[in-house]
Amino acid sequence: MFLPTLDALFTRMSASASAVGALIANCSGFYTAPSLIAIITAHYRMWGDVRTFNLSGMGYITGVVVVNIARGVQRAHATWYAIVVTEIVTVGWYSGRDRCKLLLNYFFRTYSVK
């Protein structure tokens, strides 16, 4: 679900993946292999063009940390886009195949610094 969501985001922003200066991933409970960052950078061919940050195992507090990192990146580099990708594993995790219910497994936040 991450890649179609990012495709829609780039379309809505009228920007390409090359405009992203920072990609921040939050895996609240565990560290996936390959990481979400590796999957996204490989898909959009962002090798070497983007600053990446992987945070994992810190639970829900990581949401505050990743937003703070995105804010710092945008303050330091005003022309960059900073994208936060968050994965949350909870007791309420849906493991079925109904796509509309899978959305509940993801947490989306839009954040802009001006």
PDB file of N, CA and C in Angstrom:
ATOM      1  N   MET A   1       0.800  -1.198   0.000  1.00  0.00           N
ATOM      2  CA  MET A   1       0.000   0.000   0.000  1.00  0.00           C
ATOM      3  C   MET A   1       0.848   1.271   0.000  1.00  0.00           C
ATOM      4  N   PHE A   2       2.101   1.172   0.388  1.00  0.00           N
ATOM      5  CA  PHE A   2       2.923   2.378   0.458  1.00  0.00           C
ATOM      6  C   PHE A   2       3.186   2.988  -0.918  1.00  0.00           C
ATOM      7  N   LEU A   3       3.536   2.165  -1.878  1.00  0.00           N
ATOM      8  CA  LEU A   3       3.918   2.691  -3.191  1.00  0.00           C
ATOM      9  C   LEU A   3       2.746   3.354  -3.924  1.00  0.00           C
ATOM     10  N   PRO A   4       1.546   2.749  -3.976  1.00  0.00           N
ATOM     11  CA  PRO A   4       0.424   3.468  -4.604  1.00  0.00           C
ATOM     12  C   PRO A   4       0.074   4.761  -3.871  1.00  0.00           C
ATOM     13  N   THR A   5       0.212   4.753  -2.554  1.00  0.00           N
ATOM     14  CA  THR A   5      -0.071   5.965  -1.779  1.00  0.00           C
ATOM     15  C   THR A   5       0.945   7.049  -2.112  1.00  0.00           C
ATOM     16  N   LEU A   6       2.216   6.682  -2.224  1.00  0.00           N
ATOM     17  CA  LEU A   6       3.243   7.661  -2.598  1.00  0.00           C
ATOM     18  C   LEU A   6       3.044   8.148  -4.030  1.00  0.00           C
ATOM     19  N   ASP A   7       2.652   7.244  -4.938  1.00  0.00           N
ATOM     20  CA  ASP A   7       2.353   7.667  -6.311  1.00  0.00           C
ATOM     21  C   ASP A   7       1.257   8.724  -6.326  1.00  0.00           C
ATOM     22  N   ALA A   8       0.201   8.489  -5.550  1.00  0.00           N
ATOM     23  CA  ALA A   8      -0.903   9.453  -5.476  1.00  0.00           C
ATOM     24  C   ALA A   8      -0.437  10.768  -4.854  1.00  0.00           C
ATOM     25  N   LEU A   9       0.425  10.687  -3.865  1.00  0.00           N
ATOM     26  CA  LEU A   9       0.957  11.896  -3.239  1.00  0.00           C
ATOM     27  C   LEU A   9       1.773  12.719  -4.236  1.00  0.00           C
ATOM     28  N   PHE A  10       2.649  12.070  -4.994  1.00  0.00           N
ATOM     29  CA  PHE A  10       3.454  12.787  -5.983  1.00  0.00           C
ATOM     30  C   PHE A  10       2.578  13.411  -7.066  1.00  0.00           C
ATOM     31  N   THR A  11       1.535  12.710  -7.474  1.00  0.00           N
ATOM     32  CA  THR A  11       0.609  13.250  -8.472  1.00  0.00           C
ATOM     33  C   THR A  11      -0.120  14.469  -7.917  1.00  0.00           C
ATOM     34  N   ARG A  12      -0.608  14.348  -6.690  1.00  0.00           N
ATOM     35  CA  ARG A  12      -1.334  15.461  -6.074  1.00  0.00           C
ATOM     36  C   ARG A  12      -0.429  16.681  -5.856  1.00  0.00           C
ATOM     37  N   MET A  13       0.848  16.457  -5.562  1.00  0.00           N
ATOM     38  CA  MET A  13       1.792  17.556  -5.339  1.00  0.00           C
ATOM     39  C   MET A  13       2.343  18.105  -6.643  1.00  0.00           C
ATOM     40  N   SER A  14       2.080  17.421  -7.752  1.00  0.00           N
ATOM     41  CA  SER A  14       2.681  17.764  -9.045  1.00  0.00           C
ATOM     42  C   SER A  14       4.197  17.788  -8.933  1.00  0.00           C
ATOM     43  N   ALA A  15       4.724  16.787  -8.278  1.00  0.00           N
ATOM     44  CA  ALA A  15       6.174  16.669  -8.082  1.00  0.00           C
ATOM     45  C   ALA A  15       6.588  15.231  -8.362  1.00  0.00           C
ATOM     46  N   SER A  16       7.867  15.055  -8.630  1.00  0.00           N
ATOM     47  CA  SER A  16       8.385  13.705  -8.846  1.00  0.00           C
ATOM     48  C   SER A  16       9.132  13.254  -7.596  1.00  0.00           C
ATOM     49  N   ALA A  17       9.459  11.988  -7.576  1.00  0.00           N
ATOM     50  CA  ALA A  17      10.198  11.442  -6.440  1.00  0.00           C
ATOM     51  C   ALA A  17      11.564  12.091  -6.291  1.00  0.00           C
ATOM     52  N   SER A  18      12.112  12.635  -7.367  1.00  0.00           N
ATOM     53  CA  SER A  18      13.423  13.283  -7.289  1.00  0.00           C
ATOM     54  C   SER A  18      13.389  14.580  -6.479  1.00  0.00           C
ATOM     55  N   ALA A  19      12.185  15.115  -6.210  1.00  0.00           N
ATOM     56  CA  ALA A  19      12.061  16.333  -5.399  1.00  0.00           C
ATOM     57  C   ALA A  19      12.151  16.040  -3.909  1.00  0.00           C
ATOM     58  N   VAL A  20      12.128  14.764  -3.545  1.00  0.00           N
ATOM     59  CA  VAL A  20      12.191  14.383  -2.138  1.00  0.00           C
ATOM     60  C   VAL A  20      13.636  14.462  -1.670  1.00  0.00           C
ATOM     61  N   GLY A  21      13.857  15.231  -0.631  1.00  0.00           N
ATOM     62  CA  GLY A  21      15.203  15.363  -0.074  1.00  0.00           C
ATOM     63  C   GLY A  21      15.430  14.486   1.129  1.00  0.00           C
ATOM     64  N   ALA A  22      14.346  14.116   1.813  1.00  0.00           N
ATOM     65  CA  ALA A  22      14.462  13.277   3.006  1.00  0.00           C
ATOM     66  C   ALA A  22      13.302  12.303   3.067  1.00  0.00           C
ATOM     67  N   LEU A  23      13.623  11.074   3.393  1.00  0.00           N
ATOM     68  CA  LEU A  23      12.635  10.015   3.536  1.00  0.00           C
ATOM     69  C   LEU A  23      12.837   9.409   4.917  1.00  0.00           C
ATOM     70  N   ILE A  24      11.797   9.462   5.741  1.00  0.00           N
ATOM     71  CA  ILE A  24      11.889   9.030   7.122  1.00  0.00           C
ATOM     72  C   ILE A  24      10.895   7.898   7.332  1.00  0.00           C
ATOM     73  N   ALA A  25      11.358   6.763   7.828  1.00  0.00           N
ATOM     74  CA  ALA A  25      10.480   5.618   8.057  1.00  0.00           C
ATOM     75  C   ALA A  25      10.434   5.292   9.540  1.00  0.00           C
ATOM     76  N   ASN A  26       9.241   4.962   9.997  1.00  0.00           N
ATOM     77  CA  ASN A  26       9.008   4.600  11.377  1.00  0.00           C
ATOM     78  C   ASN A  26       8.357   3.227  11.414  1.00  0.00           C
ATOM     79  N   CYS A  27       9.042   2.255  11.959  1.00  0.00           N
ATOM     80  CA  CYS A  27       8.471   0.934  12.208  1.00  0.00           C
ATOM     81  C   CYS A  27       8.367   0.804  13.722  1.00  0.00           C
ATOM     82  N   SER A  28       7.167   0.899  14.246  1.00  0.00           N
ATOM     83  CA  SER A  28       6.994   1.046  15.689  1.00  0.00           C
ATOM     84  C   SER A  28       7.434  -0.171  16.502  1.00  0.00           C
ATOM     85  N   GLY A  29       7.205  -1.351  16.003  1.00  0.00           N
ATOM     86  CA  GLY A  29       7.470  -2.506  16.838  1.00  0.00           C
ATOM     87  C   GLY A  29       8.646  -3.359  16.436  1.00  0.00           C
ATOM     88  N   PHE A  30       9.027  -3.331  15.193  1.00  0.00           N
ATOM     89  CA  PHE A  30      10.106  -4.195  14.735  1.00  0.00           C
ATOM     90  C   PHE A  30      10.786  -3.568  13.537  1.00  0.00           C
ATOM     91  N   TYR A  31      11.906  -4.134  13.157  1.00  0.00           N
ATOM     92  CA  TYR A  31      12.658  -3.637  12.013  1.00  0.00           C
ATOM     93  C   TYR A  31      12.484  -4.622  10.870  1.00  0.00           C
ATOM     94  N   THR A  32      11.893  -4.170   9.792  1.00  0.00           N
ATOM     95  CA  THR A  32      11.648  -5.066   8.667  1.00  0.00           C
ATOM     96  C   THR A  32      12.895  -5.202   7.803  1.00  0.00           C
ATOM     97  N   ALA A  33      13.011  -6.284   7.095  1.00  0.00           N
ATOM     98  CA  ALA A  33      14.138  -6.490   6.189  1.00  0.00           C
ATOM     99  C   ALA A  33      13.591  -7.002   4.869  1.00  0.00           C
ATOM    100  N   PRO A  34      13.771  -6.353   3.758  1.00  0.00           N
ATOM    101  CA  PRO A  34      14.449  -5.062   3.641  1.00  0.00           C
ATOM    102  C   PRO A  34      13.606  -3.959   4.262  1.00  0.00           C
ATOM    103  N   SER A  35      14.255  -2.896   4.639  1.00  0.00           N
ATOM    104  CA  SER A  35      13.551  -1.812   5.318  1.00  0.00           C
ATOM    105  C   SER A  35      12.585  -1.122   4.360  1.00  0.00           C
ATOM    106  N   LEU A  36      11.634  -0.404   4.932  1.00  0.00           N
ATOM    107  CA  LEU A  36      10.703   0.372   4.112  1.00  0.00           C
ATOM    108  C   LEU A  36      11.459   1.386   3.267  1.00  0.00           C
ATOM    109  N   ILE A  37      12.491   1.968   3.844  1.00  0.00           N
ATOM    110  CA  ILE A  37      13.314   2.940   3.105  1.00  0.00           C
ATOM    111  C   ILE A  37      13.954   2.277   1.895  1.00  0.00           C
ATOM    112  N   ALA A  38      14.498   1.084   2.072  1.00  0.00           N
ATOM    113  CA  ALA A  38      15.147   0.382   0.960  1.00  0.00           C
ATOM    114  C   ALA A  38      14.150   0.068  -0.153  1.00  0.00           C
ATOM    115  N   ILE A  39      12.956  -0.342   0.213  1.00  0.00           N
ATOM    116  CA  ILE A  39      11.924  -0.662  -0.778  1.00  0.00           C
ATOM    117  C   ILE A  39      11.532   0.592  -1.560  1.00  0.00           C
ATOM    118  N   ILE A  40      11.303   1.683  -0.853  1.00  0.00           N
ATOM    119  CA  ILE A  40      10.857   2.923  -1.498  1.00  0.00           C
ATOM    120  C   ILE A  40      11.957   3.532  -2.352  1.00  0.00           C
ATOM    121  N   THR A  41      13.190   3.600  -1.839  1.00  0.00           N
ATOM    122  CA  THR A  41      14.277   4.198  -2.624  1.00  0.00           C
ATOM    123  C   THR A  41      14.593   3.360  -3.861  1.00  0.00           C
ATOM    124  N   ALA A  42      14.486   2.041  -3.757  1.00  0.00           N
ATOM    125  CA  ALA A  42      14.725   1.197  -4.926  1.00  0.00           C
ATOM    126  C   ALA A  42      13.622   1.380  -5.967  1.00  0.00           C
ATOM    127  N   HIS A  43      12.383   1.454  -5.511  1.00  0.00           N
ATOM    128  CA  HIS A  43      11.263   1.600  -6.442  1.00  0.00           C
ATOM    129  C   HIS A  43      11.347   2.916  -7.223  1.00  0.00           C
ATOM    130  N   TYR A  44      11.685   4.002  -6.534  1.00  0.00           N
ATOM    131  CA  TYR A  44      11.738   5.319  -7.174  1.00  0.00           C
ATOM    132  C   TYR A  44      13.148   5.709  -7.628  1.00  0.00           C
ATOM    133  N   ARG A  45      14.090   4.781  -7.512  1.00  0.00           N
ATOM    134  CA  ARG A  45      15.481   5.015  -7.935  1.00  0.00           C
ATOM    135  C   ARG A  45      16.061   6.276  -7.288  1.00  0.00           C
ATOM    136  N   MET A  46      15.953   6.350  -5.973  1.00  0.00           N
ATOM    137  CA  MET A  46      16.429   7.503  -5.208  1.00  0.00           C
ATOM    138  C   MET A  46      17.838   7.300  -4.651  1.00  0.00           C
ATOM    139  N   TRP A  47      18.588   6.318  -5.128  1.00  0.00           N
ATOM    140  CA  TRP A  47      19.893   6.007  -4.554  1.00  0.00           C
ATOM    141  C   TRP A  47      20.796   7.231  -4.535  1.00  0.00           C
ATOM    142  N   GLY A  48      21.288   7.572  -3.370  1.00  0.00           N
ATOM    143  CA  GLY A  48      22.224   8.669  -3.232  1.00  0.00           C
ATOM    144  C   GLY A  48      21.617  10.050  -3.343  1.00  0.00           C
ATOM    145  N   ASP A  49      20.357  10.139  -3.743  1.00  0.00           N
ATOM    146  CA  ASP A  49      19.724  11.441  -3.949  1.00  0.00           C
ATOM    147  C   ASP A  49      18.907  11.901  -2.755  1.00  0.00           C
ATOM    148  N   VAL A  50      18.724  11.058  -1.777  1.00  0.00           N
ATOM    149  CA  VAL A  50      17.813  11.359  -0.681  1.00  0.00           C
ATOM    150  C   VAL A  50      18.463  10.997   0.651  1.00  0.00           C
ATOM    151  N   ARG A  51      18.227  11.822   1.657  1.00  0.00           N
ATOM    152  CA  ARG A  51      18.676  11.510   3.011  1.00  0.00           C
ATOM    153  C   ARG A  51      17.632  10.580   3.608  1.00  0.00           C
ATOM    154  N   THR A  52      18.063   9.494   4.222  1.00  0.00           N
ATOM    155  CA  THR A  52      17.122   8.526   4.772  1.00  0.00           C
ATOM    156  C   THR A  52      17.330   8.360   6.272  1.00  0.00           C
ATOM    157  N   PHE A  53      16.236   8.148   6.955  1.00  0.00           N
ATOM    158  CA  PHE A  53      16.245   7.931   8.402  1.00  0.00           C
ATOM    159  C   PHE A  53      15.326   6.756   8.698  1.00  0.00           C
ATOM    160  N   ASN A  54      15.845   5.733   9.363  1.00  0.00           N
ATOM    161  CA  ASN A  54      15.061   4.565   9.778  1.00  0.00           C
ATOM    162  C   ASN A  54      14.960   4.559  11.289  1.00  0.00           C
ATOM    163  N   LEU A  55      13.761   4.571  11.804  1.00  0.00           N
ATOM    164  CA  LEU A  55      13.550   4.461  13.239  1.00  0.00           C
ATOM    165  C   LEU A  55      12.690   3.241  13.484  1.00  0.00           C
ATOM    166  N   SER A  56      13.029   2.457  14.498  1.00  0.00           N
ATOM    167  CA  SER A  56      12.211   1.284  14.787  1.00  0.00           C
ATOM    168  C   SER A  56      12.312   0.917  16.255  1.00  0.00           C
ATOM    169  N   GLY A  57      11.303   0.176  16.702  1.00  0.00           N
ATOM    170  CA  GLY A  57      11.303  -0.378  18.039  1.00  0.00           C
ATOM    171  C   GLY A  57      11.067   0.604  19.163  1.00  0.00           C
ATOM    172  N   MET A  58      10.647   1.819  18.858  1.00  0.00           N
ATOM    173  CA  MET A  58      10.437   2.822  19.899  1.00  0.00           C
ATOM    174  C   MET A  58       8.969   2.992  20.244  1.00  0.00           C
ATOM    175  N   GLY A  59       8.094   2.233  19.637  1.00  0.00           N
ATOM    176  CA  GLY A  59       6.669   2.334  19.923  1.00  0.00           C
ATOM    177  C   GLY A  59       6.052   3.589  19.341  1.00  0.00           C
ATOM    178  N   TYR A  60       4.971   4.014  19.953  1.00  0.00           N
ATOM    179  CA  TYR A  60       4.199   5.129  19.418  1.00  0.00           C
ATOM    180  C   TYR A  60       4.908   6.474  19.516  1.00  0.00           C
ATOM    181  N   ILE A  61       5.825   6.630  20.440  1.00  0.00           N
ATOM    182  CA  ILE A  61       6.517   7.909  20.602  1.00  0.00           C
ATOM    183  C   ILE A  61       7.329   8.263  19.356  1.00  0.00           C
ATOM    184  N   THR A  62       7.635   7.288  18.543  1.00  0.00           N
ATOM    185  CA  THR A  62       8.409   7.552  17.337  1.00  0.00           C
ATOM    186  C   THR A  62       7.695   8.512  16.406  1.00  0.00           C
ATOM    187  N   GLY A  63       6.359   8.547  16.435  1.00  0.00           N
ATOM    188  CA  GLY A  63       5.604   9.490  15.606  1.00  0.00           C
ATOM    189  C   GLY A  63       6.012  10.923  15.875  1.00  0.00           C
ATOM    190  N   VAL A  64       6.238  11.257  17.133  1.00  0.00           N
ATOM    191  CA  VAL A  64       6.686  12.596  17.499  1.00  0.00           C
ATOM    192  C   VAL A  64       8.109  12.834  16.999  1.00  0.00           C
ATOM    193  N   VAL A  65       8.956  11.829  17.125  1.00  0.00           N
ATOM    194  CA  VAL A  65      10.352  11.949  16.712  1.00  0.00           C
ATOM    195  C   VAL A  65      10.458  12.152  15.201  1.00  0.00           C
ATOM    196  N   VAL A  66       9.705  11.374  14.406  1.00  0.00           N
ATOM    197  CA  VAL A  66       9.819  11.491  12.954  1.00  0.00           C
ATOM    198  C   VAL A  66       9.300  12.831  12.448  1.00  0.00           C
ATOM    199  N   VAL A  67       8.245  13.352  13.068  1.00  0.00           N
ATOM    200  CA  VAL A  67       7.751  14.673  12.671  1.00  0.00           C
ATOM    201  C   VAL A  67       8.795  15.734  13.008  1.00  0.00           C
ATOM    202  N   ASN A  68       9.472  15.587  14.139  1.00  0.00           N
ATOM    203  CA  ASN A  68      10.524  16.527  14.510  1.00  0.00           C
ATOM    204  C   ASN A  68      11.703  16.452  13.536  1.00  0.00           C
ATOM    205  N   ILE A  69      12.059  15.260  13.091  1.00  0.00           N
ATOM    206  CA  ILE A  69      13.123  15.108  12.095  1.00  0.00           C
ATOM    207  C   ILE A  69      12.709  15.776  10.788  1.00  0.00           C
ATOM    208  N   ALA A  70      11.465  15.544  10.348  1.00  0.00           N
ATOM    209  CA  ALA A  70      10.979  16.159   9.105  1.00  0.00           C
ATOM    210  C   ALA A  70      10.999  17.679   9.219  1.00  0.00           C
ATOM    211  N   ARG A  71      10.598  18.205  10.351  1.00  0.00           N
ATOM    212  CA  ARG A  71      10.608  19.655  10.557  1.00  0.00           C
ATOM    213  C   ARG A  71      12.042  20.191  10.488  1.00  0.00           C
ATOM    214  N   GLY A  72      12.976  19.509  11.116  1.00  0.00           N
ATOM    215  CA  GLY A  72      14.374  19.940  11.083  1.00  0.00           C
ATOM    216  C   GLY A  72      14.958  19.911   9.685  1.00  0.00           C
ATOM    217  N   VAL A  73      14.632  18.869   8.922  1.00  0.00           N
ATOM    218  CA  VAL A  73      15.119  18.767   7.544  1.00  0.00           C
ATOM    219  C   VAL A  73      14.573  19.909   6.702  1.00  0.00           C
ATOM    220  N   GLN A  74      13.278  20.194   6.844  1.00  0.00           N
ATOM    221  CA  GLN A  74      12.683  21.259   6.031  1.00  0.00           C
ATOM    222  C   GLN A  74      13.175  22.637   6.447  1.00  0.00           C
ATOM    223  N   ARG A  75      13.497  22.825   7.696  1.00  0.00           N
ATOM    224  CA  ARG A  75      14.073  24.112   8.117  1.00  0.00           C
ATOM    225  C   ARG A  75      15.478  24.287   7.570  1.00  0.00           C
ATOM    226  N   ALA A  76      16.234  23.204   7.524  1.00  0.00           N
ATOM    227  CA  ALA A  76      17.607  23.274   7.016  1.00  0.00           C
ATOM    228  C   ALA A  76      17.648  23.359   5.493  1.00  0.00           C
ATOM    229  N   HIS A  77      16.696  22.725   4.836  1.00  0.00           N
ATOM    230  CA  HIS A  77      16.654  22.673   3.366  1.00  0.00           C
ATOM    231  C   HIS A  77      15.234  22.993   2.919  1.00  0.00           C
ATOM    232  N   ALA A  78      14.937  24.263   2.793  1.00  0.00           N
ATOM    233  CA  ALA A  78      13.564  24.719   2.538  1.00  0.00           C
ATOM    234  C   ALA A  78      12.979  24.228   1.212  1.00  0.00           C
ATOM    235  N   THR A  79      13.810  23.879   0.238  1.00  0.00           N
ATOM    236  CA  THR A  79      13.300  23.453  -1.061  1.00  0.00           C
ATOM    237  C   THR A  79      13.034  21.949  -1.131  1.00  0.00           C
ATOM    238  N   TRP A  80      13.428  21.213  -0.110  1.00  0.00           N
ATOM    239  CA  TRP A  80      13.230  19.765  -0.109  1.00  0.00           C
ATOM    240  C   TRP A  80      11.851  19.396   0.398  1.00  0.00           C
ATOM    241  N   TYR A  81      11.361  18.265  -0.094  1.00  0.00           N
ATOM    242  CA  TYR A  81      10.200  17.629   0.508  1.00  0.00           C
ATOM    243  C   TYR A  81      10.726  16.587   1.481  1.00  0.00           C
ATOM    244  N   ALA A  82      10.097  16.484   2.620  1.00  0.00           N
ATOM    245  CA  ALA A  82      10.425  15.438   3.587  1.00  0.00           C
ATOM    246  C   ALA A  82       9.186  14.564   3.727  1.00  0.00           C
ATOM    247  N   ILE A  83       9.336  13.282   3.451  1.00  0.00           N
ATOM    248  CA  ILE A  83       8.209  12.357   3.509  1.00  0.00           C
ATOM    249  C   ILE A  83       8.416  11.399   4.676  1.00  0.00           C
ATOM    250  N   VAL A  84       7.361  11.247   5.466  1.00  0.00           N
ATOM    251  CA  VAL A  84       7.369  10.332   6.597  1.00  0.00           C
ATOM    252  C   VAL A  84       6.480   9.146   6.265  1.00  0.00           C
ATOM    253  N   VAL A  85       7.032   7.949   6.366  1.00  0.00           N
ATOM    254  CA  VAL A  85       6.286   6.710   6.158  1.00  0.00           C
ATOM    255  C   VAL A  85       6.241   6.003   7.501  1.00  0.00           C
ATOM    256  N   THR A  86       5.033   5.738   7.982  1.00  0.00           N
ATOM    257  CA  THR A  86       4.868   5.159   9.308  1.00  0.00           C
ATOM    258  C   THR A  86       4.142   3.830   9.234  1.00  0.00           C
ATOM    259  N   GLU A  87       4.667   2.864   9.914  1.00  0.00           N
ATOM    260  CA  GLU A  87       4.036   1.545  10.049  1.00  0.00           C
ATOM    261  C   GLU A  87       3.820   1.323  11.529  1.00  0.00           C
ATOM    262  N   ILE A  88       2.612   0.941  11.892  1.00  0.00           N
ATOM    263  CA  ILE A  88       2.293   0.712  13.294  1.00  0.00           C
ATOM    264  C   ILE A  88       1.749  -0.697  13.447  1.00  0.00           C
ATOM    265  N   VAL A  89       2.342  -1.460  14.338  1.00  0.00           N
ATOM    266  CA  VAL A  89       1.870  -2.807  14.621  1.00  0.00           C
ATOM    267  C   VAL A  89       1.191  -2.762  15.983  1.00  0.00           C
ATOM    268  N   THR A  90      -0.075  -3.141  16.013  1.00  0.00           N
ATOM    269  CA  THR A  90      -0.817  -3.129  17.270  1.00  0.00           C
ATOM    270  C   THR A  90      -1.587  -4.423  17.412  1.00  0.00           C
ATOM    271  N   VAL A  91      -2.237  -4.573  18.539  1.00  0.00           N
ATOM    272  CA  VAL A  91      -3.082  -5.738  18.768  1.00  0.00           C
ATOM    273  C   VAL A  91      -4.233  -5.759  17.768  1.00  0.00           C
ATOM    274  N   GLY A  92      -4.650  -4.586  17.305  1.00  0.00           N
ATOM    275  CA  GLY A  92      -5.760  -4.482  16.372  1.00  0.00           C
ATOM    276  C   GLY A  92      -5.360  -4.690  14.918  1.00  0.00           C
ATOM    277  N   TRP A  93      -4.206  -5.258  14.658  1.00  0.00           N
ATOM    278  CA  TRP A  93      -3.715  -5.480  13.299  1.00  0.00           C
ATOM    279  C   TRP A  93      -4.678  -6.368  12.537  1.00  0.00           C
ATOM    280  N   TYR A  94      -5.076  -5.940  11.332  1.00  0.00           N
ATOM    281  CA  TYR A  94      -5.979  -6.719  10.484  1.00  0.00           C
ATOM    282  C   TYR A  94      -5.150  -7.565   9.537  1.00  0.00           C
ATOM    283  N   SER A  95      -5.351  -8.875   9.555  1.00  0.00           N
ATOM    284  CA  SER A  95      -4.536  -9.767   8.724  1.00  0.00           C
ATOM    285  C   SER A  95      -5.327 -10.395   7.584  1.00  0.00           C
ATOM    286  N   GLY A  96      -6.522  -9.905   7.329  1.00  0.00           N
ATOM    287  CA  GLY A  96      -7.355 -10.463   6.263  1.00  0.00           C
ATOM    288  C   GLY A  96      -6.978  -9.945   4.890  1.00  0.00           C
ATOM    289  N   ARG A  97      -7.843 -10.184   3.915  1.00  0.00           N
ATOM    290  CA  ARG A  97      -7.566  -9.815   2.526  1.00  0.00           C
ATOM    291  C   ARG A  97      -8.468  -8.703   2.001  1.00  0.00           C
ATOM    292  N   ASP A  98      -9.369  -8.195   2.796  1.00  0.00           N
ATOM    293  CA  ASP A  98     -10.260  -7.118   2.370  1.00  0.00           C
ATOM    294  C   ASP A  98      -9.465  -5.816   2.344  1.00  0.00           C
ATOM    295  N   ARG A  99      -9.190  -5.288   1.129  1.00  0.00           N
ATOM    296  CA  ARG A  99      -8.294  -4.142   0.959  1.00  0.00           C
ATOM    297  C   ARG A  99      -8.752  -2.897   1.720  1.00  0.00           C
ATOM    298  N   CYS A 100     -10.047  -2.664   1.800  1.00  0.00           N
ATOM    299  CA  CYS A 100     -10.508  -1.458   2.496  1.00  0.00           C
ATOM    300  C   CYS A 100     -10.240  -1.549   3.994  1.00  0.00           C
ATOM    301  N   LYS A 101     -10.162  -2.733   4.541  1.00  0.00           N
ATOM    302  CA  LYS A 101      -9.842  -2.890   5.959  1.00  0.00           C
ATOM    303  C   LYS A 101      -8.336  -2.836   6.215  1.00  0.00           C
ATOM    304  N   LEU A 102      -7.526  -3.105   5.202  1.00  0.00           N
ATOM    305  CA  LEU A 102      -6.078  -3.020   5.357  1.00  0.00           C
ATOM    306  C   LEU A 102      -5.630  -1.600   5.662  1.00  0.00           C
ATOM    307  N   LEU A 103      -6.380  -0.620   5.213  1.00  0.00           N
ATOM    308  CA  LEU A 103      -6.035   0.769   5.445  1.00  0.00           C
ATOM    309  C   LEU A 103      -5.914   1.076   6.935  1.00  0.00           C
ATOM    310  N   LEU A 104      -6.659   0.363   7.757  1.00  0.00           N
ATOM    311  CA  LEU A 104      -6.608   0.581   9.203  1.00  0.00           C
ATOM    312  C   LEU A 104      -5.256   0.197   9.795  1.00  0.00           C
ATOM    313  N   ASN A 105      -4.464  -0.579   9.074  1.00  0.00           N
ATOM    314  CA  ASN A 105      -3.147  -0.978   9.552  1.00  0.00           C
ATOM    315  C   ASN A 105      -2.115   0.135   9.385  1.00  0.00           C
ATOM    316  N   TYR A 106      -2.463   1.202   8.700  1.00  0.00           N
ATOM    317  CA  TYR A 106      -1.510   2.278   8.411  1.00  0.00           C
ATOM    318  C   TYR A 106      -1.975   3.578   9.038  1.00  0.00           C
ATOM    319  N   PHE A 107      -1.032   4.403   9.375  1.00  0.00           N
ATOM    320  CA  PHE A 107      -1.303   5.693   9.984  1.00  0.00           C
ATOM    321  C   PHE A 107      -0.751   6.761   9.052  1.00  0.00           C
ATOM    322  N   PHE A 108      -1.596   7.680   8.606  1.00  0.00           N
ATOM    323  CA  PHE A 108      -1.164   8.710   7.670  1.00  0.00           C
ATOM    324  C   PHE A 108      -1.245  10.064   8.352  1.00  0.00           C
ATOM    325  N   ARG A 109      -0.255  10.889   8.147  1.00  0.00           N
ATOM    326  CA  ARG A 109      -0.262  12.239   8.684  1.00  0.00           C
ATOM    327  C   ARG A 109       0.316  13.171   7.621  1.00  0.00           C
ATOM    328  N   THR A 110      -0.348  14.265   7.403  1.00  0.00           N
ATOM    329  CA  THR A 110       0.153  15.291   6.496  1.00  0.00           C
ATOM    330  C   THR A 110       0.715  16.413   7.346  1.00  0.00           C
ATOM    331  N   TYR A 111       1.924  16.813   7.047  1.00  0.00           N
ATOM    332  CA  TYR A 111       2.592  17.829   7.849  1.00  0.00           C
ATOM    333  C   TYR A 111       3.305  18.801   6.923  1.00  0.00           C
ATOM    334  N   SER A 112       3.167  20.051   7.182  1.00  0.00           N
ATOM    335  CA  SER A 112       3.813  21.060   6.341  1.00  0.00           C
ATOM    336  C   SER A 112       4.407  22.142   7.222  1.00  0.00           C
ATOM    337  N   VAL A 113       5.621  22.524   6.903  1.00  0.00           N
ATOM    338  CA  VAL A 113       6.290  23.610   7.634  1.00  0.00           C
ATOM    339  C   VAL A 113       6.399  24.793   6.705  1.00  0.00           C
ATOM    340  N   LYS A 114       5.941  25.934   7.126  1.00  0.00           N
ATOM    341  CA  LYS A 114       6.047  27.156   6.321  1.00  0.00           C
ATOM    342  C   LYS A 114       6.689  28.235   7.139  1.00  0.00           C
TER     343      LYS A 114
END
